[in-house]
Amino acid sequence: MRPQACAAHRLCNSSFAGSTLHVVEQQCLVDRRPVAGCLGAGIWGVLTPLVVADVMAGTGRYNLALGAVAIAQGVGASPSGSAAGLIVDHFGYNAAFAGSAGASLVALAVLSLALPKTGQGPLLP
């Protein structure tokens, strides 16, 4: 018996090109990783320029700041795959995920303490 396409299959084919569809006992299950990746990339791609624009409002240095953020992201992301691989090889997957969670919490703490509140005007006179 050939499984029939469901609404999720049409959604995958139209919106999320990399999604995979699993048909189990006539129920369609969509692999959520590509969906989460698309949403995360969309949010990140919109949020970063908005935050930079808000922080740099009135300074005339928006492009410089956005370039600096892009460089910092690239420099930070470049060694992360190798570092995670080394951690997995020596300590296992749990340690790699714990290290990633720890780095995320540190970044969240730094941003919540160091990022100026919005709507207070430019940082520089």
PDB file of N, CA and C in Angstrom:
ATOM      1  N   MET A   1       0.839  -1.174   0.000  1.00  0.00           N
ATOM      2  CA  MET A   1       0.000   0.000   0.000  1.00  0.00           C
ATOM      3  C   MET A   1       0.888   1.242   0.000  1.00  0.00           C
ATOM      4  N   ARG A   2       0.597   2.133  -0.894  1.00  0.00           N
ATOM      5  CA  ARG A   2       1.402   3.340  -1.038  1.00  0.00           C
ATOM      6  C   ARG A   2       0.882   4.443  -0.101  1.00  0.00           C
ATOM      7  N   PRO A   3       1.756   5.026   0.747  1.00  0.00           N
ATOM      8  CA  PRO A   3       1.298   6.075   1.647  1.00  0.00           C
ATOM      9  C   PRO A   3       0.897   7.316   0.873  1.00  0.00           C
ATOM     10  N   GLN A   4      -0.152   7.948   1.316  1.00  0.00           N
ATOM     11  CA  GLN A   4      -0.627   9.150   0.667  1.00  0.00           C
ATOM     12  C   GLN A   4       0.077  10.372   1.253  1.00  0.00           C
ATOM     13  N   ALA A   5       0.236  11.381   0.418  1.00  0.00           N
ATOM     14  CA  ALA A   5       0.846  12.623   0.886  1.00  0.00           C
ATOM     15  C   ALA A   5      -0.136  13.350   1.788  1.00  0.00           C
ATOM     16  N   CYS A   6       0.382  13.941   2.817  1.00  0.00           N
ATOM     17  CA  CYS A   6      -0.467  14.688   3.735  1.00  0.00           C
ATOM     18  C   CYS A   6      -0.158  16.174   3.610  1.00  0.00           C
ATOM     19  N   ALA A   7      -0.821  16.969   4.406  1.00  0.00           N
ATOM     20  CA  ALA A   7      -0.606  18.422   4.356  1.00  0.00           C
ATOM     21  C   ALA A   7       0.833  18.764   4.714  1.00  0.00           C
ATOM     22  N   ALA A   8       1.421  18.027   5.623  1.00  0.00           N
ATOM     23  CA  ALA A   8       2.810  18.299   6.015  1.00  0.00           C
ATOM     24  C   ALA A   8       3.760  18.056   4.845  1.00  0.00           C
ATOM     25  N   HIS A   9       3.463  17.060   4.016  1.00  0.00           N
ATOM     26  CA  HIS A   9       4.297  16.791   2.855  1.00  0.00           C
ATOM     27  C   HIS A   9       4.255  17.949   1.881  1.00  0.00           C
ATOM     28  N   ARG A  10       3.068  18.472   1.637  1.00  0.00           N
ATOM     29  CA  ARG A  10       2.955  19.626   0.756  1.00  0.00           C
ATOM     30  C   ARG A  10       3.669  20.828   1.348  1.00  0.00           C
ATOM     31  N   LEU A  11       3.576  20.996   2.667  1.00  0.00           N
ATOM     32  CA  LEU A  11       4.267  22.097   3.332  1.00  0.00           C
ATOM     33  C   LEU A  11       5.772  21.962   3.153  1.00  0.00           C
ATOM     34  N   CYS A  12       6.293  20.754   3.336  1.00  0.00           N
ATOM     35  CA  CYS A  12       7.732  20.528   3.186  1.00  0.00           C
ATOM     36  C   CYS A  12       8.188  20.846   1.769  1.00  0.00           C
ATOM     37  N   ASN A  13       7.440  20.381   0.803  1.00  0.00           N
ATOM     38  CA  ASN A  13       7.843  20.589  -0.575  1.00  0.00           C
ATOM     39  C   ASN A  13       7.747  22.045  -0.986  1.00  0.00           C
ATOM     40  N   SER A  14       6.834  22.799  -0.391  1.00  0.00           N
ATOM     41  CA  SER A  14       6.653  24.183  -0.820  1.00  0.00           C
ATOM     42  C   SER A  14       7.496  25.155  -0.019  1.00  0.00           C
ATOM     43  N   SER A  15       7.661  24.928   1.282  1.00  0.00           N
ATOM     44  CA  SER A  15       8.297  25.931   2.127  1.00  0.00           C
ATOM     45  C   SER A  15       9.701  25.549   2.583  1.00  0.00           C
ATOM     46  N   PHE A  16       9.894  24.325   2.944  1.00  0.00           N
ATOM     47  CA  PHE A  16      11.149  23.916   3.554  1.00  0.00           C
ATOM     48  C   PHE A  16      11.800  22.842   2.694  1.00  0.00           C
ATOM     49  N   ALA A  17      12.643  23.274   1.785  1.00  0.00           N
ATOM     50  CA  ALA A  17      13.202  22.368   0.782  1.00  0.00           C
ATOM     51  C   ALA A  17      14.031  21.259   1.408  1.00  0.00           C
ATOM     52  N   GLY A  18      14.681  21.520   2.531  1.00  0.00           N
ATOM     53  CA  GLY A  18      15.544  20.510   3.135  1.00  0.00           C
ATOM     54  C   GLY A  18      14.839  19.603   4.112  1.00  0.00           C
ATOM     55  N   SER A  19      13.551  19.801   4.342  1.00  0.00           N
ATOM     56  CA  SER A  19      12.837  18.990   5.317  1.00  0.00           C
ATOM     57  C   SER A  19      12.670  17.567   4.813  1.00  0.00           C
ATOM     58  N   THR A  20      12.625  16.663   5.736  1.00  0.00           N
ATOM     59  CA  THR A  20      12.354  15.276   5.379  1.00  0.00           C
ATOM     60  C   THR A  20      11.009  14.898   5.974  1.00  0.00           C
ATOM     61  N   LEU A  21      10.314  14.017   5.294  1.00  0.00           N
ATOM     62  CA  LEU A  21       8.983  13.604   5.712  1.00  0.00           C
ATOM     63  C   LEU A  21       9.030  12.117   6.033  1.00  0.00           C
ATOM     64  N   HIS A  22       8.514  11.773   7.175  1.00  0.00           N
ATOM     65  CA  HIS A  22       8.446  10.379   7.575  1.00  0.00           C
ATOM     66  C   HIS A  22       6.981   9.973   7.629  1.00  0.00           C
ATOM     67  N   VAL A  23       6.634   8.908   6.938  1.00  0.00           N
ATOM     68  CA  VAL A  23       5.264   8.413   6.965  1.00  0.00           C
ATOM     69  C   VAL A  23       5.273   7.140   7.795  1.00  0.00           C
ATOM     70  N   VAL A  24       4.625   7.208   8.941  1.00  0.00           N
ATOM     71  CA  VAL A  24       4.575   6.075   9.856  1.00  0.00           C
ATOM     72  C   VAL A  24       3.115   5.757  10.117  1.00  0.00           C
ATOM     73  N   GLU A  25       2.707   4.569   9.707  1.00  0.00           N
ATOM     74  CA  GLU A  25       1.338   4.106   9.911  1.00  0.00           C
ATOM     75  C   GLU A  25       0.321   5.156   9.476  1.00  0.00           C
ATOM     76  N   GLN A  26       0.477   5.658   8.260  1.00  0.00           N
ATOM     77  CA  GLN A  26      -0.433   6.609   7.646  1.00  0.00           C
ATOM     78  C   GLN A  26      -0.451   7.976   8.340  1.00  0.00           C
ATOM     79  N   GLN A  27       0.505   8.253   9.203  1.00  0.00           N
ATOM     80  CA  GLN A  27       0.613   9.572   9.817  1.00  0.00           C
ATOM     81  C   GLN A  27       1.895  10.228   9.320  1.00  0.00           C
ATOM     82  N   CYS A  28       1.814  11.487   8.976  1.00  0.00           N
ATOM     83  CA  CYS A  28       2.971  12.205   8.467  1.00  0.00           C
ATOM     84  C   CYS A  28       3.675  12.931   9.607  1.00  0.00           C
ATOM     85  N   LEU A  29       4.949  12.720   9.693  1.00  0.00           N
ATOM     86  CA  LEU A  29       5.754  13.412  10.696  1.00  0.00           C
ATOM     87  C   LEU A  29       6.833  14.198   9.968  1.00  0.00           C
ATOM     88  N   VAL A  30       6.961  15.450  10.272  1.00  0.00           N
ATOM     89  CA  VAL A  30       7.954  16.299   9.629  1.00  0.00           C
ATOM     90  C   VAL A  30       9.173  16.377  10.534  1.00  0.00           C
ATOM     91  N   ASP A  31      10.334  16.213   9.944  1.00  0.00           N
ATOM     92  CA  ASP A  31      11.581  16.378  10.686  1.00  0.00           C
ATOM     93  C   ASP A  31      11.696  17.853  11.065  1.00  0.00           C
ATOM     94  N   ARG A  32      11.759  18.150  12.342  1.00  0.00           N
ATOM     95  CA  ARG A  32      11.689  19.521  12.813  1.00  0.00           C
ATOM     96  C   ARG A  32      13.008  20.277  12.721  1.00  0.00           C
ATOM     97  N   ARG A  33      14.115  19.599  12.530  1.00  0.00           N
ATOM     98  CA  ARG A  33      15.408  20.290  12.496  1.00  0.00           C
ATOM     99  C   ARG A  33      15.515  21.306  11.368  1.00  0.00           C
ATOM    100  N   PRO A  34      15.163  20.960  10.135  1.00  0.00           N
ATOM    101  CA  PRO A  34      15.234  21.986   9.085  1.00  0.00           C
ATOM    102  C   PRO A  34      14.261  23.138   9.310  1.00  0.00           C
ATOM    103  N   VAL A  35      13.090  22.822   9.874  1.00  0.00           N
ATOM    104  CA  VAL A  35      12.122  23.876  10.160  1.00  0.00           C
ATOM    105  C   VAL A  35      12.692  24.826  11.204  1.00  0.00           C
ATOM    106  N   ALA A  36      13.261  24.273  12.262  1.00  0.00           N
ATOM    107  CA  ALA A  36      13.864  25.110  13.305  1.00  0.00           C
ATOM    108  C   ALA A  36      15.044  25.895  12.745  1.00  0.00           C
ATOM    109  N   GLY A  37      15.803  25.290  11.866  1.00  0.00           N
ATOM    110  CA  GLY A  37      16.924  25.996  11.250  1.00  0.00           C
ATOM    111  C   GLY A  37      16.479  27.168  10.398  1.00  0.00           C
ATOM    112  N   CYS A  38      15.398  26.953   9.638  1.00  0.00           N
ATOM    113  CA  CYS A  38      14.869  28.048   8.811  1.00  0.00           C
ATOM    114  C   CYS A  38      14.360  29.179   9.677  1.00  0.00           C
ATOM    115  N   LEU A  39      13.626  28.842  10.720  1.00  0.00           N
ATOM    116  CA  LEU A  39      13.095  29.882  11.600  1.00  0.00           C
ATOM    117  C   LEU A  39      14.212  30.595  12.342  1.00  0.00           C
ATOM    118  N   GLY A  40      15.189  29.837  12.836  1.00  0.00           N
ATOM    119  CA  GLY A  40      16.306  30.449  13.549  1.00  0.00           C
ATOM    120  C   GLY A  40      17.116  31.368  12.662  1.00  0.00           C
ATOM    121  N   ALA A  41      17.364  30.941  11.448  1.00  0.00           N
ATOM    122  CA  ALA A  41      18.125  31.789  10.524  1.00  0.00           C
ATOM    123  C   ALA A  41      17.344  33.040  10.166  1.00  0.00           C
ATOM    124  N   GLY A  42      16.043  32.900  10.008  1.00  0.00           N
ATOM    125  CA  GLY A  42      15.225  34.069   9.708  1.00  0.00           C
ATOM    126  C   GLY A  42      15.205  35.062  10.841  1.00  0.00           C
ATOM    127  N   ILE A  43      15.054  34.565  12.061  1.00  0.00           N
ATOM    128  CA  ILE A  43      15.051  35.457  13.222  1.00  0.00           C
ATOM    129  C   ILE A  43      16.415  36.094  13.401  1.00  0.00           C
ATOM    130  N   TRP A  44      17.473  35.290  13.305  1.00  0.00           N
ATOM    131  CA  TRP A  44      18.827  35.812  13.498  1.00  0.00           C
ATOM    132  C   TRP A  44      19.177  36.829  12.414  1.00  0.00           C
ATOM    133  N   GLY A  45      18.783  36.556  11.192  1.00  0.00           N
ATOM    134  CA  GLY A  45      19.101  37.449  10.081  1.00  0.00           C
ATOM    135  C   GLY A  45      18.379  38.780  10.172  1.00  0.00           C
ATOM    136  N   VAL A  46      17.234  38.808  10.835  1.00  0.00           N
ATOM    137  CA  VAL A  46      16.494  40.053  10.998  1.00  0.00           C
ATOM    138  C   VAL A  46      16.871  40.743  12.308  1.00  0.00           C
ATOM    139  N   LEU A  47      17.080  39.965  13.343  1.00  0.00           N
ATOM    140  CA  LEU A  47      17.331  40.533  14.660  1.00  0.00           C
ATOM    141  C   LEU A  47      18.668  41.256  14.752  1.00  0.00           C
ATOM    142  N   THR A  48      19.704  40.707  14.161  1.00  0.00           N
ATOM    143  CA  THR A  48      21.034  41.310  14.264  1.00  0.00           C
ATOM    144  C   THR A  48      21.079  42.727  13.691  1.00  0.00           C
ATOM    145  N   PRO A  49      20.639  42.964  12.460  1.00  0.00           N
ATOM    146  CA  PRO A  49      20.662  44.340  11.958  1.00  0.00           C
ATOM    147  C   PRO A  49      19.775  45.295  12.760  1.00  0.00           C
ATOM    148  N   LEU A  50      18.646  44.796  13.292  1.00  0.00           N
ATOM    149  CA  LEU A  50      17.777  45.655  14.084  1.00  0.00           C
ATOM    150  C   LEU A  50      18.436  46.080  15.391  1.00  0.00           C
ATOM    151  N   VAL A  51      19.088  45.146  16.061  1.00  0.00           N
ATOM    152  CA  VAL A  51      19.763  45.479  17.316  1.00  0.00           C
ATOM    153  C   VAL A  51      20.917  46.439  17.046  1.00  0.00           C
ATOM    154  N   VAL A  52      21.704  46.180  16.003  1.00  0.00           N
ATOM    155  CA  VAL A  52      22.814  47.070  15.663  1.00  0.00           C
ATOM    156  C   VAL A  52      22.287  48.460  15.314  1.00  0.00           C
ATOM    157  N   ALA A  53      21.203  48.533  14.564  1.00  0.00           N
ATOM    158  CA  ALA A  53      20.628  49.834  14.210  1.00  0.00           C
ATOM    159  C   ALA A  53      20.140  50.574  15.445  1.00  0.00           C
ATOM    160  N   ASP A  54      19.559  49.837  16.388  1.00  0.00           N
ATOM    161  CA  ASP A  54      19.062  50.465  17.602  1.00  0.00           C
ATOM    162  C   ASP A  54      20.210  50.980  18.472  1.00  0.00           C
ATOM    163  N   VAL A  55      21.247  50.183  18.606  1.00  0.00           N
ATOM    164  CA  VAL A  55      22.381  50.578  19.438  1.00  0.00           C
ATOM    165  C   VAL A  55      23.173  51.715  18.799  1.00  0.00           C
ATOM    166  N   MET A  56      23.300  51.704  17.483  1.00  0.00           N
ATOM    167  CA  MET A  56      24.132  52.703  16.800  1.00  0.00           C
ATOM    168  C   MET A  56      23.332  53.888  16.266  1.00  0.00           C
ATOM    169  N   ALA A  57      22.091  54.026  16.672  1.00  0.00           N
ATOM    170  CA  ALA A  57      21.233  55.099  16.165  1.00  0.00           C
ATOM    171  C   ALA A  57      21.882  56.470  16.407  1.00  0.00           C
ATOM    172  N   GLY A  58      21.951  57.268  15.358  1.00  0.00           N
ATOM    173  CA  GLY A  58      22.460  58.626  15.471  1.00  0.00           C
ATOM    174  C   GLY A  58      23.965  58.768  15.433  1.00  0.00           C
ATOM    175  N   THR A  59      24.696  57.692  15.339  1.00  0.00           N
ATOM    176  CA  THR A  59      26.158  57.786  15.340  1.00  0.00           C
ATOM    177  C   THR A  59      26.737  57.845  13.939  1.00  0.00           C
ATOM    178  N   GLY A  60      25.997  57.393  12.933  1.00  0.00           N
ATOM    179  CA  GLY A  60      26.512  57.346  11.575  1.00  0.00           C
ATOM    180  C   GLY A  60      27.498  56.220  11.345  1.00  0.00           C
ATOM    181  N   ARG A  61      27.546  55.264  12.245  1.00  0.00           N
ATOM    182  CA  ARG A  61      28.496  54.150  12.143  1.00  0.00           C
ATOM    183  C   ARG A  61      27.801  52.791  12.088  1.00  0.00           C
ATOM    184  N   TYR A  62      26.615  52.769  11.536  1.00  0.00           N
ATOM    185  CA  TYR A  62      25.856  51.522  11.458  1.00  0.00           C
ATOM    186  C   TYR A  62      26.586  50.470  10.639  1.00  0.00           C
ATOM    187  N   ASN A  63      27.065  50.821   9.461  1.00  0.00           N
ATOM    188  CA  ASN A  63      27.735  49.849   8.592  1.00  0.00           C
ATOM    189  C   ASN A  63      29.000  49.308   9.236  1.00  0.00           C
ATOM    190  N   LEU A  64      29.757  50.177   9.893  1.00  0.00           N
ATOM    191  CA  LEU A  64      30.967  49.736  10.582  1.00  0.00           C
ATOM    192  C   LEU A  64      30.624  48.749  11.693  1.00  0.00           C
ATOM    193  N   ALA A  65      29.592  49.064  12.468  1.00  0.00           N
ATOM    194  CA  ALA A  65      29.200  48.190  13.572  1.00  0.00           C
ATOM    195  C   ALA A  65      28.660  46.854  13.061  1.00  0.00           C
ATOM    196  N   LEU A  66      27.861  46.896  11.992  1.00  0.00           N
ATOM    197  CA  LEU A  66      27.331  45.647  11.441  1.00  0.00           C
ATOM    198  C   LEU A  66      28.460  44.786  10.883  1.00  0.00           C
ATOM    199  N   GLY A  67      29.458  45.402  10.266  1.00  0.00           N
ATOM    200  CA  GLY A  67      30.628  44.652   9.799  1.00  0.00           C
ATOM    201  C   GLY A  67      31.401  44.036  10.944  1.00  0.00           C
ATOM    202  N   ALA A  68      31.548  44.783  12.044  1.00  0.00           N
ATOM    203  CA  ALA A  68      32.252  44.247  13.208  1.00  0.00           C
ATOM    204  C   ALA A  68      31.508  43.058  13.808  1.00  0.00           C
ATOM    205  N   VAL A  69      30.187  43.138  13.848  1.00  0.00           N
ATOM    206  CA  VAL A  69      29.390  42.020  14.353  1.00  0.00           C
ATOM    207  C   VAL A  69      29.552  40.806  13.440  1.00  0.00           C
ATOM    208  N   ALA A  70      29.536  41.016  12.129  1.00  0.00           N
ATOM    209  CA  ALA A  70      29.700  39.901  11.187  1.00  0.00           C
ATOM    210  C   ALA A  70      31.074  39.255  11.331  1.00  0.00           C
ATOM    211  N   ILE A  71      32.096  40.077  11.514  1.00  0.00           N
ATOM    212  CA  ILE A  71      33.446  39.523  11.715  1.00  0.00           C
ATOM    213  C   ILE A  71      33.512  38.729  13.009  1.00  0.00           C
ATOM    214  N   ALA A  72      32.930  39.265  14.084  1.00  0.00           N
ATOM    215  CA  ALA A  72      32.942  38.555  15.365  1.00  0.00           C
ATOM    216  C   ALA A  72      32.200  37.224  15.255  1.00  0.00           C
ATOM    217  N   GLN A  73      31.090  37.204  14.525  1.00  0.00           N
ATOM    218  CA  GLN A  73      30.358  35.954  14.342  1.00  0.00           C
ATOM    219  C   GLN A  73      31.196  34.939  13.568  1.00  0.00           C
ATOM    220  N   GLY A  74      31.855  35.392  12.526  1.00  0.00           N
ATOM    221  CA  GLY A  74      32.685  34.487  11.736  1.00  0.00           C
ATOM    222  C   GLY A  74      33.869  33.946  12.509  1.00  0.00           C
ATOM    223  N   VAL A  75      34.525  34.829  13.248  1.00  0.00           N
ATOM    224  CA  VAL A  75      35.684  34.404  14.051  1.00  0.00           C
ATOM    225  C   VAL A  75      35.236  33.441  15.148  1.00  0.00           C
ATOM    226  N   GLY A  76      34.084  33.687  15.730  1.00  0.00           N
ATOM    227  CA  GLY A  76      33.581  32.792  16.769  1.00  0.00           C
ATOM    228  C   GLY A  76      33.110  31.460  16.230  1.00  0.00           C
ATOM    229  N   ALA A  77      32.515  31.464  15.045  1.00  0.00           N
ATOM    230  CA  ALA A  77      31.975  30.228  14.482  1.00  0.00           C
ATOM    231  C   ALA A  77      33.036  29.350  13.843  1.00  0.00           C
ATOM    232  N   SER A  78      34.131  29.947  13.403  1.00  0.00           N
ATOM    233  CA  SER A  78      35.155  29.173  12.689  1.00  0.00           C
ATOM    234  C   SER A  78      35.729  28.015  13.503  1.00  0.00           C
ATOM    235  N   PRO A  79      36.201  28.232  14.711  1.00  0.00           N
ATOM    236  CA  PRO A  79      36.786  27.109  15.445  1.00  0.00           C
ATOM    237  C   PRO A  79      35.777  26.253  16.202  1.00  0.00           C
ATOM    238  N   SER A  80      34.492  26.615  16.170  1.00  0.00           N
ATOM    239  CA  SER A  80      33.528  25.905  17.013  1.00  0.00           C
ATOM    240  C   SER A  80      33.347  24.445  16.608  1.00  0.00           C
ATOM    241  N   GLY A  81      33.348  24.146  15.317  1.00  0.00           N
ATOM    242  CA  GLY A  81      33.197  22.756  14.890  1.00  0.00           C
ATOM    243  C   GLY A  81      34.356  21.888  15.333  1.00  0.00           C
ATOM    244  N   SER A  82      35.572  22.395  15.187  1.00  0.00           N
ATOM    245  CA  SER A  82      36.752  21.634  15.621  1.00  0.00           C
ATOM    246  C   SER A  82      36.781  21.471  17.129  1.00  0.00           C
ATOM    247  N   ALA A  83      36.440  22.549  17.840  1.00  0.00           N
ATOM    248  CA  ALA A  83      36.434  22.469  19.305  1.00  0.00           C
ATOM    249  C   ALA A  83      35.392  21.468  19.793  1.00  0.00           C
ATOM    250  N   ALA A  84      34.205  21.509  19.197  1.00  0.00           N
ATOM    251  CA  ALA A  84      33.165  20.555  19.591  1.00  0.00           C
ATOM    252  C   ALA A  84      33.596  19.123  19.263  1.00  0.00           C
ATOM    253  N   GLY A  85      34.248  18.934  18.124  1.00  0.00           N
ATOM    254  CA  GLY A  85      34.735  17.602  17.770  1.00  0.00           C
ATOM    255  C   GLY A  85      35.758  17.079  18.760  1.00  0.00           C
ATOM    256  N   LEU A  86      36.667  17.934  19.183  1.00  0.00           N
ATOM    257  CA  LEU A  86      37.660  17.524  20.185  1.00  0.00           C
ATOM    258  C   LEU A  86      37.003  17.171  21.510  1.00  0.00           C
ATOM    259  N   ILE A  87      36.033  17.977  21.910  1.00  0.00           N
ATOM    260  CA  ILE A  87      35.332  17.692  23.166  1.00  0.00           C
ATOM    261  C   ILE A  87      34.588  16.367  23.070  1.00  0.00           C
ATOM    262  N   VAL A  88      33.932  16.115  21.938  1.00  0.00           N
ATOM    263  CA  VAL A  88      33.213  14.854  21.761  1.00  0.00           C
ATOM    264  C   VAL A  88      34.193  13.682  21.775  1.00  0.00           C
ATOM    265  N   ASP A  89      35.323  13.815  21.098  1.00  0.00           N
ATOM    266  CA  ASP A  89      36.306  12.727  21.056  1.00  0.00           C
ATOM    267  C   ASP A  89      36.851  12.386  22.439  1.00  0.00           C
ATOM    268  N   HIS A  90      37.089  13.398  23.250  1.00  0.00           N
ATOM    269  CA  HIS A  90      37.736  13.163  24.544  1.00  0.00           C
ATOM    270  C   HIS A  90      36.751  12.962  25.697  1.00  0.00           C
ATOM    271  N   PHE A  91      35.582  13.617  25.637  1.00  0.00           N
ATOM    272  CA  PHE A  91      34.679  13.587  26.785  1.00  0.00           C
ATOM    273  C   PHE A  91      33.271  13.104  26.468  1.00  0.00           C
ATOM    274  N   GLY A  92      32.899  13.021  25.197  1.00  0.00           N
ATOM    275  CA  GLY A  92      31.574  12.536  24.825  1.00  0.00           C
ATOM    276  C   GLY A  92      30.622  13.651  24.436  1.00  0.00           C
ATOM    277  N   TYR A  93      29.475  13.223  23.923  1.00  0.00           N
ATOM    278  CA  TYR A  93      28.482  14.170  23.428  1.00  0.00           C
ATOM    279  C   TYR A  93      27.864  15.006  24.545  1.00  0.00           C
ATOM    280  N   ASN A  94      27.646  14.399  25.711  1.00  0.00           N
ATOM    281  CA  ASN A  94      27.040  15.151  26.815  1.00  0.00           C
ATOM    282  C   ASN A  94      27.903  16.341  27.202  1.00  0.00           C
ATOM    283  N   ALA A  95      29.199  16.154  27.223  1.00  0.00           N
ATOM    284  CA  ALA A  95      30.100  17.258  27.566  1.00  0.00           C
ATOM    285  C   ALA A  95      30.065  18.341  26.495  1.00  0.00           C
ATOM    286  N   ALA A  96      29.966  17.952  25.234  1.00  0.00           N
ATOM    287  CA  ALA A  96      29.897  18.936  24.154  1.00  0.00           C
ATOM    288  C   ALA A  96      28.620  19.767  24.260  1.00  0.00           C
ATOM    289  N   PHE A  97      27.497  19.098  24.514  1.00  0.00           N
ATOM    290  CA  PHE A  97      26.244  19.834  24.663  1.00  0.00           C
ATOM    291  C   PHE A  97      26.261  20.708  25.910  1.00  0.00           C
ATOM    292  N   ALA A  98      26.846  20.229  26.990  1.00  0.00           N
ATOM    293  CA  ALA A  98      26.943  21.025  28.216  1.00  0.00           C
ATOM    294  C   ALA A  98      27.833  22.246  27.980  1.00  0.00           C
ATOM    295  N   GLY A  99      28.922  22.062  27.243  1.00  0.00           N
ATOM    296  CA  GLY A  99      29.787  23.199  26.927  1.00  0.00           C
ATOM    297  C   GLY A  99      29.080  24.226  26.062  1.00  0.00           C
ATOM    298  N   SER A 100      28.301  23.759  25.110  1.00  0.00           N
ATOM    299  CA  SER A 100      27.529  24.669  24.262  1.00  0.00           C
ATOM    300  C   SER A 100      26.485  25.424  25.081  1.00  0.00           C
ATOM    301  N   ALA A 101      25.823  24.730  25.976  1.00  0.00           N
ATOM    302  CA  ALA A 101      24.833  25.383  26.829  1.00  0.00           C
ATOM    303  C   ALA A 101      25.500  26.395  27.753  1.00  0.00           C
ATOM    304  N   GLY A 102      26.665  26.047  28.284  1.00  0.00           N
ATOM    305  CA  GLY A 102      27.392  26.977  29.147  1.00  0.00           C
ATOM    306  C   GLY A 102      27.818  28.236  28.406  1.00  0.00           C
ATOM    307  N   ALA A 103      28.321  28.069  27.192  1.00  0.00           N
ATOM    308  CA  ALA A 103      28.717  29.226  26.391  1.00  0.00           C
ATOM    309  C   ALA A 103      27.504  30.099  26.061  1.00  0.00           C
ATOM    310  N   SER A 104      26.375  29.473  25.796  1.00  0.00           N
ATOM    311  CA  SER A 104      25.153  30.233  25.516  1.00  0.00           C
ATOM    312  C   SER A 104      24.691  31.017  26.734  1.00  0.00           C
ATOM    313  N   LEU A 105      24.774  30.414  27.895  1.00  0.00           N
ATOM    314  CA  LEU A 105      24.376  31.117  29.115  1.00  0.00           C
ATOM    315  C   LEU A 105      25.305  32.284  29.426  1.00  0.00           C
ATOM    316  N   VAL A 106      26.601  32.100  29.192  1.00  0.00           N
ATOM    317  CA  VAL A 106      27.555  33.201  29.393  1.00  0.00           C
ATOM    318  C   VAL A 106      27.246  34.338  28.432  1.00  0.00           C
ATOM    319  N   ALA A 107      26.985  34.013  27.174  1.00  0.00           N
ATOM    320  CA  ALA A 107      26.646  35.045  26.189  1.00  0.00           C
ATOM    321  C   ALA A 107      25.363  35.766  26.573  1.00  0.00           C
ATOM    322  N   LEU A 108      24.367  35.026  27.049  1.00  0.00           N
ATOM    323  CA  LEU A 108      23.116  35.645  27.479  1.00  0.00           C
ATOM    324  C   LEU A 108      23.340  36.582  28.656  1.00  0.00           C
ATOM    325  N   ALA A 109      24.168  36.165  29.607  1.00  0.00           N
ATOM    326  CA  ALA A 109      24.454  37.017  30.763  1.00  0.00           C
ATOM    327  C   ALA A 109      25.188  38.283  30.352  1.00  0.00           C
ATOM    328  N   VAL A 110      26.176  38.148  29.474  1.00  0.00           N
ATOM    329  CA  VAL A 110      26.931  39.323  29.020  1.00  0.00           C
ATOM    330  C   VAL A 110      26.016  40.288  28.271  1.00  0.00           C
ATOM    331  N   LEU A 111      25.188  39.751  27.383  1.00  0.00           N
ATOM    332  CA  LEU A 111      24.276  40.619  26.628  1.00  0.00           C
ATOM    333  C   LEU A 111      23.261  41.303  27.533  1.00  0.00           C
ATOM    334  N   SER A 112      22.737  40.576  28.491  1.00  0.00           N
ATOM    335  CA  SER A 112      21.719  41.184  29.358  1.00  0.00           C
ATOM    336  C   SER A 112      22.314  42.259  30.251  1.00  0.00           C
ATOM    337  N   LEU A 113      23.600  42.152  30.583  1.00  0.00           N
ATOM    338  CA  LEU A 113      24.244  43.157  31.424  1.00  0.00           C
ATOM    339  C   LEU A 113      24.864  44.292  30.618  1.00  0.00           C
ATOM    340  N   ALA A 114      25.424  43.996  29.453  1.00  0.00           N
ATOM    341  CA  ALA A 114      26.199  44.991  28.712  1.00  0.00           C
ATOM    342  C   ALA A 114      25.420  45.702  27.619  1.00  0.00           C
ATOM    343  N   LEU A 115      24.383  45.077  27.068  1.00  0.00           N
ATOM    344  CA  LEU A 115      23.646  45.690  25.969  1.00  0.00           C
ATOM    345  C   LEU A 115      22.764  46.806  26.515  1.00  0.00           C
ATOM    346  N   PRO A 116      22.892  48.009  25.979  1.00  0.00           N
ATOM    347  CA  PRO A 116      22.078  49.115  26.495  1.00  0.00           C
ATOM    348  C   PRO A 116      20.594  48.896  26.190  1.00  0.00           C
ATOM    349  N   LYS A 117      19.779  49.472  27.040  1.00  0.00           N
ATOM    350  CA  LYS A 117      18.337  49.372  26.847  1.00  0.00           C
ATOM    351  C   LYS A 117      17.950  50.211  25.640  1.00  0.00           C
ATOM    352  N   THR A 118      16.928  49.768  24.930  1.00  0.00           N
ATOM    353  CA  THR A 118      16.499  50.486  23.736  1.00  0.00           C
ATOM    354  C   THR A 118      15.705  51.720  24.105  1.00  0.00           C
ATOM    355  N   GLY A 119      15.709  52.691  23.208  1.00  0.00           N
ATOM    356  CA  GLY A 119      14.921  53.881  23.403  1.00  0.00           C
ATOM    357  C   GLY A 119      15.571  54.942  24.273  1.00  0.00           C
ATOM    358  N   GLN A 120      16.827  54.758  24.670  1.00  0.00           N
ATOM    359  CA  GLN A 120      17.500  55.738  25.507  1.00  0.00           C
ATOM    360  C   GLN A 120      18.378  56.670  24.715  1.00  0.00           C
ATOM    361  N   GLY A 121      18.303  56.623  23.396  1.00  0.00           N
ATOM    362  CA  GLY A 121      19.104  57.501  22.574  1.00  0.00           C
ATOM    363  C   GLY A 121      20.443  56.895  22.239  1.00  0.00           C
ATOM    364  N   PRO A 122      21.270  57.641  21.502  1.00  0.00           N
ATOM    365  CA  PRO A 122      22.569  57.114  21.073  1.00  0.00           C
ATOM    366  C   PRO A 122      23.521  56.946  22.263  1.00  0.00           C
ATOM    367  N   LEU A 123      24.439  55.999  22.117  1.00  0.00           N
ATOM    368  CA  LEU A 123      25.430  55.755  23.154  1.00  0.00           C
ATOM    369  C   LEU A 123      26.496  56.838  23.184  1.00  0.00           C
ATOM    370  N   LEU A 124      26.869  57.321  22.012  1.00  0.00           N
ATOM    371  CA  LEU A 124      27.927  58.334  21.915  1.00  0.00           C
ATOM    372  C   LEU A 124      27.290  59.694  21.670  1.00  0.00           C
ATOM    373  N   PRO A 125      27.889  60.748  22.227  1.00  0.00           N
ATOM    374  CA  PRO A 125      27.315  62.085  22.001  1.00  0.00           C
ATOM    375  C   PRO A 125      27.475  62.552  20.578  1.00  0.00           C
TER     376      PRO A 125
END
